[in-house]
Amino acid sequence: MPDSEDLFTAIRTGDAARVRAMVQADPGLAEARDESGLSAVMTAAYHHQQEVLRVLLDADPELDIFAAA
């Protein structure tokens, strides 16, 4: 099973296919947070990874006020 550290590496490098596979294997990863507390969605947005961001949003994660803004 994939872990959140692998997920955030894939997000930062723009590996949308890997992110998709990981989230399909464990949908809860779409709501994961990194060691700084940033969500997967915010990390993808911060790193300008639009395709990865779409993959994560398609998984319908629960967004907090910062991620939804």
PDB file of N, CA and C in Angstrom:
ATOM      1  N   MET A   1       0.840  -1.179   0.000  1.00  0.00           N
ATOM      2  CA  MET A   1       0.000   0.000   0.000  1.00  0.00           C
ATOM      3  C   MET A   1       0.890   1.249   0.000  1.00  0.00           C
ATOM      4  N   PRO A   2       0.565   2.240  -0.818  1.00  0.00           N
ATOM      5  CA  PRO A   2       1.371   3.456  -0.904  1.00  0.00           C
ATOM      6  C   PRO A   2       1.273   4.263   0.390  1.00  0.00           C
ATOM      7  N   ASP A   3       2.292   5.060   0.658  1.00  0.00           N
ATOM      8  CA  ASP A   3       2.229   5.913   1.844  1.00  0.00           C
ATOM      9  C   ASP A   3       2.239   7.379   1.427  1.00  0.00           C
ATOM     10  N   SER A   4       1.962   8.241   2.396  1.00  0.00           N
ATOM     11  CA  SER A   4       1.820   9.655   2.066  1.00  0.00           C
ATOM     12  C   SER A   4       3.135  10.294   1.625  1.00  0.00           C
ATOM     13  N   GLU A   5       4.262   9.821   2.121  1.00  0.00           N
ATOM     14  CA  GLU A   5       5.548  10.378   1.674  1.00  0.00           C
ATOM     15  C   GLU A   5       5.740  10.147   0.171  1.00  0.00           C
ATOM     16  N   ASP A   6       5.414   8.943  -0.295  1.00  0.00           N
ATOM     17  CA  ASP A   6       5.487   8.644  -1.730  1.00  0.00           C
ATOM     18  C   ASP A   6       4.514   9.523  -2.511  1.00  0.00           C
ATOM     19  N   LEU A   7       3.327   9.724  -1.948  1.00  0.00           N
ATOM     20  CA  LEU A   7       2.325  10.564  -2.606  1.00  0.00           C
ATOM     21  C   LEU A   7       2.855  11.979  -2.799  1.00  0.00           C
ATOM     22  N   PHE A   8       3.409  12.567  -1.758  1.00  0.00           N
ATOM     23  CA  PHE A   8       3.875  13.951  -1.863  1.00  0.00           C
ATOM     24  C   PHE A   8       5.069  14.090  -2.798  1.00  0.00           C
ATOM     25  N   THR A   9       5.891  13.071  -2.878  1.00  0.00           N
ATOM     26  CA  THR A   9       6.979  13.080  -3.862  1.00  0.00           C
ATOM     27  C   THR A   9       6.395  13.085  -5.270  1.00  0.00           C
ATOM     28  N   ALA A  10       5.400  12.248  -5.515  1.00  0.00           N
ATOM     29  CA  ALA A  10       4.753  12.188  -6.832  1.00  0.00           C
ATOM     30  C   ALA A  10       4.048  13.503  -7.156  1.00  0.00           C
ATOM     31  N   ILE A  11       3.426  14.113  -6.164  1.00  0.00           N
ATOM     32  CA  ILE A  11       2.757  15.402  -6.375  1.00  0.00           C
ATOM     33  C   ILE A  11       3.782  16.459  -6.772  1.00  0.00           C
ATOM     34  N   ARG A  12       4.843  16.583  -6.003  1.00  0.00           N
ATOM     35  CA  ARG A  12       5.846  17.630  -6.267  1.00  0.00           C
ATOM     36  C   ARG A  12       6.534  17.454  -7.614  1.00  0.00           C
ATOM     37  N   THR A  13       6.687  16.221  -8.071  1.00  0.00           N
ATOM     38  CA  THR A  13       7.351  15.980  -9.354  1.00  0.00           C
ATOM     39  C   THR A  13       6.373  15.953 -10.524  1.00  0.00           C
ATOM     40  N   GLY A  14       5.079  16.098 -10.246  1.00  0.00           N
ATOM     41  CA  GLY A  14       4.090  16.149 -11.316  1.00  0.00           C
ATOM     42  C   GLY A  14       3.757  14.809 -11.930  1.00  0.00           C
ATOM     43  N   ASP A  15       3.949  13.737 -11.199  1.00  0.00           N
ATOM     44  CA  ASP A  15       3.677  12.388 -11.710  1.00  0.00           C
ATOM     45  C   ASP A  15       2.199  12.051 -11.510  1.00  0.00           C
ATOM     46  N   ALA A  16       1.353  12.600 -12.386  1.00  0.00           N
ATOM     47  CA  ALA A  16      -0.095  12.437 -12.262  1.00  0.00           C
ATOM     48  C   ALA A  16      -0.524  10.975 -12.348  1.00  0.00           C
ATOM     49  N   ALA A  17       0.119  10.200 -13.196  1.00  0.00           N
ATOM     50  CA  ALA A  17      -0.241   8.782 -13.318  1.00  0.00           C
ATOM     51  C   ALA A  17       0.010   8.052 -12.004  1.00  0.00           C
ATOM     52  N   ARG A  18       1.124   8.359 -11.367  1.00  0.00           N
ATOM     53  CA  ARG A  18       1.449   7.727 -10.077  1.00  0.00           C
ATOM     54  C   ARG A  18       0.468   8.178  -8.997  1.00  0.00           C
ATOM     55  N   VAL A  19       0.151   9.461  -8.964  1.00  0.00           N
ATOM     56  CA  VAL A  19      -0.812   9.975  -7.987  1.00  0.00           C
ATOM     57  C   VAL A  19      -2.160   9.293  -8.193  1.00  0.00           C
ATOM     58  N   ARG A  20      -2.599   9.188  -9.441  1.00  0.00           N
ATOM     59  CA  ARG A  20      -3.876   8.534  -9.744  1.00  0.00           C
ATOM     60  C   ARG A  20      -3.880   7.093  -9.232  1.00  0.00           C
ATOM     61  N   ALA A  21      -2.833   6.353  -9.527  1.00  0.00           N
ATOM     62  CA  ALA A  21      -2.755   4.953  -9.097  1.00  0.00           C
ATOM     63  C   ALA A  21      -2.765   4.847  -7.573  1.00  0.00           C
ATOM     64  N   MET A  22      -2.051   5.735  -6.918  1.00  0.00           N
ATOM     65  CA  MET A  22      -1.982   5.697  -5.458  1.00  0.00           C
ATOM     66  C   MET A  22      -3.329   6.021  -4.827  1.00  0.00           C
ATOM     67  N   VAL A  23      -4.010   7.022  -5.366  1.00  0.00           N
ATOM     68  CA  VAL A  23      -5.306   7.418  -4.817  1.00  0.00           C
ATOM     69  C   VAL A  23      -6.366   6.357  -5.116  1.00  0.00           C
ATOM     70  N   GLN A  24      -6.271   5.709  -6.261  1.00  0.00           N
ATOM     71  CA  GLN A  24      -7.202   4.618  -6.546  1.00  0.00           C
ATOM     72  C   GLN A  24      -6.984   3.453  -5.587  1.00  0.00           C
ATOM     73  N   ALA A  25      -5.733   3.182  -5.234  1.00  0.00           N
ATOM     74  CA  ALA A  25      -5.423   2.093  -4.301  1.00  0.00           C
ATOM     75  C   ALA A  25      -5.836   2.439  -2.874  1.00  0.00           C
ATOM     76  N   ASP A  26      -5.739   3.727  -2.518  1.00  0.00           N
ATOM     77  CA  ASP A  26      -6.083   4.181  -1.165  1.00  0.00           C
ATOM     78  C   ASP A  26      -6.696   5.572  -1.261  1.00  0.00           C
ATOM     79  N   PRO A  27      -8.029   5.668  -1.451  1.00  0.00           N
ATOM     80  CA  PRO A  27      -8.684   6.967  -1.631  1.00  0.00           C
ATOM     81  C   PRO A  27      -8.427   7.966  -0.501  1.00  0.00           C
ATOM     82  N   GLY A  28      -8.130   7.485   0.679  1.00  0.00           N
ATOM     83  CA  GLY A  28      -7.847   8.377   1.799  1.00  0.00           C
ATOM     84  C   GLY A  28      -6.608   9.226   1.594  1.00  0.00           C
ATOM     85  N   LEU A  29      -5.730   8.808   0.699  1.00  0.00           N
ATOM     86  CA  LEU A  29      -4.525   9.593   0.428  1.00  0.00           C
ATOM     87  C   LEU A  29      -4.852  10.962  -0.158  1.00  0.00           C
ATOM     88  N   ALA A  30      -6.004  11.108  -0.796  1.00  0.00           N
ATOM     89  CA  ALA A  30      -6.389  12.405  -1.363  1.00  0.00           C
ATOM     90  C   ALA A  30      -6.539  13.461  -0.269  1.00  0.00           C
ATOM     91  N   GLU A  31      -6.710  13.018   0.977  1.00  0.00           N
ATOM     92  CA  GLU A  31      -6.849  13.940   2.102  1.00  0.00           C
ATOM     93  C   GLU A  31      -5.598  13.970   2.983  1.00  0.00           C
ATOM     94  N   ALA A  32      -4.514  13.382   2.511  1.00  0.00           N
ATOM     95  CA  ALA A  32      -3.272  13.321   3.298  1.00  0.00           C
ATOM     96  C   ALA A  32      -2.680  14.712   3.480  1.00  0.00           C
ATOM     97  N   ARG A  33      -1.891  14.840   4.529  1.00  0.00           N
ATOM     98  CA  ARG A  33      -1.159  16.084   4.799  1.00  0.00           C
ATOM     99  C   ARG A  33       0.319  15.757   4.929  1.00  0.00           C
ATOM    100  N   ASP A  34       1.151  16.700   4.486  1.00  0.00           N
ATOM    101  CA  ASP A  34       2.598  16.482   4.586  1.00  0.00           C
ATOM    102  C   ASP A  34       3.088  16.842   5.988  1.00  0.00           C
ATOM    103  N   GLU A  35       4.390  16.765   6.182  1.00  0.00           N
ATOM    104  CA  GLU A  35       4.975  17.019   7.501  1.00  0.00           C
ATOM    105  C   GLU A  35       4.755  18.447   7.981  1.00  0.00           C
ATOM    106  N   SER A  36       4.433  19.364   7.060  1.00  0.00           N
ATOM    107  CA  SER A  36       4.152  20.756   7.416  1.00  0.00           C
ATOM    108  C   SER A  36       2.674  21.007   7.659  1.00  0.00           C
ATOM    109  N   GLY A  37       1.852  20.007   7.384  1.00  0.00           N
ATOM    110  CA  GLY A  37       0.415  20.154   7.549  1.00  0.00           C
ATOM    111  C   GLY A  37      -0.315  20.569   6.284  1.00  0.00           C
ATOM    112  N   LEU A  38       0.426  20.717   5.170  1.00  0.00           N
ATOM    113  CA  LEU A  38      -0.225  21.076   3.907  1.00  0.00           C
ATOM    114  C   LEU A  38      -0.935  19.869   3.322  1.00  0.00           C
ATOM    115  N   SER A  39      -2.124  20.104   2.808  1.00  0.00           N
ATOM    116  CA  SER A  39      -2.879  19.019   2.184  1.00  0.00           C
ATOM    117  C   SER A  39      -2.281  18.666   0.823  1.00  0.00           C
ATOM    118  N   ALA A  40      -2.658  17.516   0.331  1.00  0.00           N
ATOM    119  CA  ALA A  40      -2.221  17.084  -0.996  1.00  0.00           C
ATOM    120  C   ALA A  40      -2.672  18.096  -2.053  1.00  0.00           C
ATOM    121  N   VAL A  41      -3.897  18.580  -1.930  1.00  0.00           N
ATOM    122  CA  VAL A  41      -4.438  19.557  -2.888  1.00  0.00           C
ATOM    123  C   VAL A  41      -3.616  20.847  -2.858  1.00  0.00           C
ATOM    124  N   MET A  42      -3.338  21.354  -1.659  1.00  0.00           N
ATOM    125  CA  MET A  42      -2.556  22.591  -1.547  1.00  0.00           C
ATOM    126  C   MET A  42      -1.140  22.401  -2.079  1.00  0.00           C
ATOM    127  N   THR A  43      -0.562  21.239  -1.847  1.00  0.00           N
ATOM    128  CA  THR A  43       0.792  20.967  -2.340  1.00  0.00           C
ATOM    129  C   THR A  43       0.816  20.968  -3.860  1.00  0.00           C
ATOM    130  N   ALA A  44      -0.173  20.332  -4.475  1.00  0.00           N
ATOM    131  CA  ALA A  44      -0.246  20.314  -5.940  1.00  0.00           C
ATOM    132  C   ALA A  44      -0.415  21.733  -6.487  1.00  0.00           C
ATOM    133  N   ALA A  45      -1.271  22.522  -5.850  1.00  0.00           N
ATOM    134  CA  ALA A  45      -1.482  23.898  -6.300  1.00  0.00           C
ATOM    135  C   ALA A  45      -0.208  24.727  -6.123  1.00  0.00           C
ATOM    136  N   TYR A  46       0.446  24.593  -4.985  1.00  0.00           N
ATOM    137  CA  TYR A  46       1.670  25.341  -4.696  1.00  0.00           C
ATOM    138  C   TYR A  46       2.763  25.046  -5.720  1.00  0.00           C
ATOM    139  N   HIS A  47       2.858  23.798  -6.147  1.00  0.00           N
ATOM    140  CA  HIS A  47       3.895  23.396  -7.102  1.00  0.00           C
ATOM    141  C   HIS A  47       3.424  23.507  -8.560  1.00  0.00           C
ATOM    142  N   HIS A  48       2.270  24.128  -8.778  1.00  0.00           N
ATOM    143  CA  HIS A  48       1.731  24.369 -10.120  1.00  0.00           C
ATOM    144  C   HIS A  48       1.556  23.072 -10.914  1.00  0.00           C
ATOM    145  N   GLN A  49       1.117  22.028 -10.244  1.00  0.00           N
ATOM    146  CA  GLN A  49       0.914  20.722 -10.885  1.00  0.00           C
ATOM    147  C   GLN A  49      -0.579  20.571 -11.196  1.00  0.00           C
ATOM    148  N   GLN A  50      -1.015  21.197 -12.298  1.00  0.00           N
ATOM    149  CA  GLN A  50      -2.435  21.254 -12.623  1.00  0.00           C
ATOM    150  C   GLN A  50      -3.047  19.881 -12.879  1.00  0.00           C
ATOM    151  N   GLU A  51      -2.351  19.023 -13.596  1.00  0.00           N
ATOM    152  CA  GLU A  51      -2.896  17.698 -13.875  1.00  0.00           C
ATOM    153  C   GLU A  51      -3.029  16.891 -12.581  1.00  0.00           C
ATOM    154  N   VAL A  52      -2.037  16.975 -11.726  1.00  0.00           N
ATOM    155  CA  VAL A  52      -2.092  16.292 -10.431  1.00  0.00           C
ATOM    156  C   VAL A  52      -3.238  16.862  -9.601  1.00  0.00           C
ATOM    157  N   LEU A  53      -3.409  18.159  -9.625  1.00  0.00           N
ATOM    158  CA  LEU A  53      -4.494  18.802  -8.889  1.00  0.00           C
ATOM    159  C   LEU A  53      -5.849  18.277  -9.357  1.00  0.00           C
ATOM    160  N   ARG A  54      -6.021  18.132 -10.665  1.00  0.00           N
ATOM    161  CA  ARG A  54      -7.280  17.580 -11.191  1.00  0.00           C
ATOM    162  C   ARG A  54      -7.504  16.152 -10.700  1.00  0.00           C
ATOM    163  N   VAL A  55      -6.447  15.351 -10.706  1.00  0.00           N
ATOM    164  CA  VAL A  55      -6.548  13.967 -10.221  1.00  0.00           C
ATOM    165  C   VAL A  55      -7.016  13.964  -8.767  1.00  0.00           C
ATOM    166  N   LEU A  56      -6.408  14.801  -7.954  1.00  0.00           N
ATOM    167  CA  LEU A  56      -6.777  14.849  -6.538  1.00  0.00           C
ATOM    168  C   LEU A  56      -8.203  15.345  -6.344  1.00  0.00           C
ATOM    169  N   LEU A  57      -8.593  16.379  -7.068  1.00  0.00           N
ATOM    170  CA  LEU A  57      -9.952  16.898  -6.930  1.00  0.00           C
ATOM    171  C   LEU A  57     -10.993  15.901  -7.432  1.00  0.00           C
ATOM    172  N   ASP A  58     -10.649  15.121  -8.440  1.00  0.00           N
ATOM    173  CA  ASP A  58     -11.562  14.074  -8.918  1.00  0.00           C
ATOM    174  C   ASP A  58     -11.825  13.024  -7.846  1.00  0.00           C
ATOM    175  N   ALA A  59     -10.911  12.887  -6.891  1.00  0.00           N
ATOM    176  CA  ALA A  59     -11.085  11.935  -5.789  1.00  0.00           C
ATOM    177  C   ALA A  59     -12.022  12.496  -4.713  1.00  0.00           C
ATOM    178  N   ASP A  60     -12.472  13.722  -4.896  1.00  0.00           N
ATOM    179  CA  ASP A  60     -13.443  14.382  -4.016  1.00  0.00           C
ATOM    180  C   ASP A  60     -12.993  14.435  -2.553  1.00  0.00           C
ATOM    181  N   PRO A  61     -11.801  14.985  -2.301  1.00  0.00           N
ATOM    182  CA  PRO A  61     -11.349  15.087  -0.911  1.00  0.00           C
ATOM    183  C   PRO A  61     -12.144  16.149  -0.161  1.00  0.00           C
ATOM    184  N   GLU A  62     -12.216  16.002   1.144  1.00  0.00           N
ATOM    185  CA  GLU A  62     -12.836  17.032   1.962  1.00  0.00           C
ATOM    186  C   GLU A  62     -11.844  18.188   2.053  1.00  0.00           C
ATOM    187  N   LEU A  63     -12.266  19.371   1.624  1.00  0.00           N
ATOM    188  CA  LEU A  63     -11.373  20.531   1.596  1.00  0.00           C
ATOM    189  C   LEU A  63     -11.643  21.433   2.787  1.00  0.00           C
ATOM    190  N   ASP A  64     -10.579  21.965   3.385  1.00  0.00           N
ATOM    191  CA  ASP A  64     -10.748  22.946   4.447  1.00  0.00           C
ATOM    192  C   ASP A  64     -10.809  24.333   3.805  1.00  0.00           C
ATOM    193  N   ILE A  65     -10.977  25.340   4.604  1.00  0.00           N
ATOM    194  CA  ILE A  65     -11.148  26.694   4.086  1.00  0.00           C
ATOM    195  C   ILE A  65      -9.949  27.156   3.260  1.00  0.00           C
ATOM    196  N   PHE A  66      -8.738  26.723   3.612  1.00  0.00           N
ATOM    197  CA  PHE A  66      -7.548  27.149   2.878  1.00  0.00           C
ATOM    198  C   PHE A  66      -7.470  26.480   1.512  1.00  0.00           C
ATOM    199  N   ALA A  67      -7.811  25.205   1.435  1.00  0.00           N
ATOM    200  CA  ALA A  67      -7.756  24.476   0.168  1.00  0.00           C
ATOM    201  C   ALA A  67      -8.903  24.879  -0.745  1.00  0.00           C
ATOM    202  N   ALA A  68     -10.025  25.273  -0.166  1.00  0.00           N
ATOM    203  CA  ALA A  68     -11.195  25.620  -0.962  1.00  0.00           C
ATOM    204  C   ALA A  68     -11.107  27.028  -1.535  1.00  0.00           C
ATOM    205  N   ALA A  69     -10.264  27.875  -0.963  1.00  0.00           N
ATOM    206  CA  ALA A  69     -10.190  29.282  -1.380  1.00  0.00           C
ATOM    207  C   ALA A  69      -9.514  29.445  -2.716  1.00  0.00           C
TER     208      ALA A  69
END
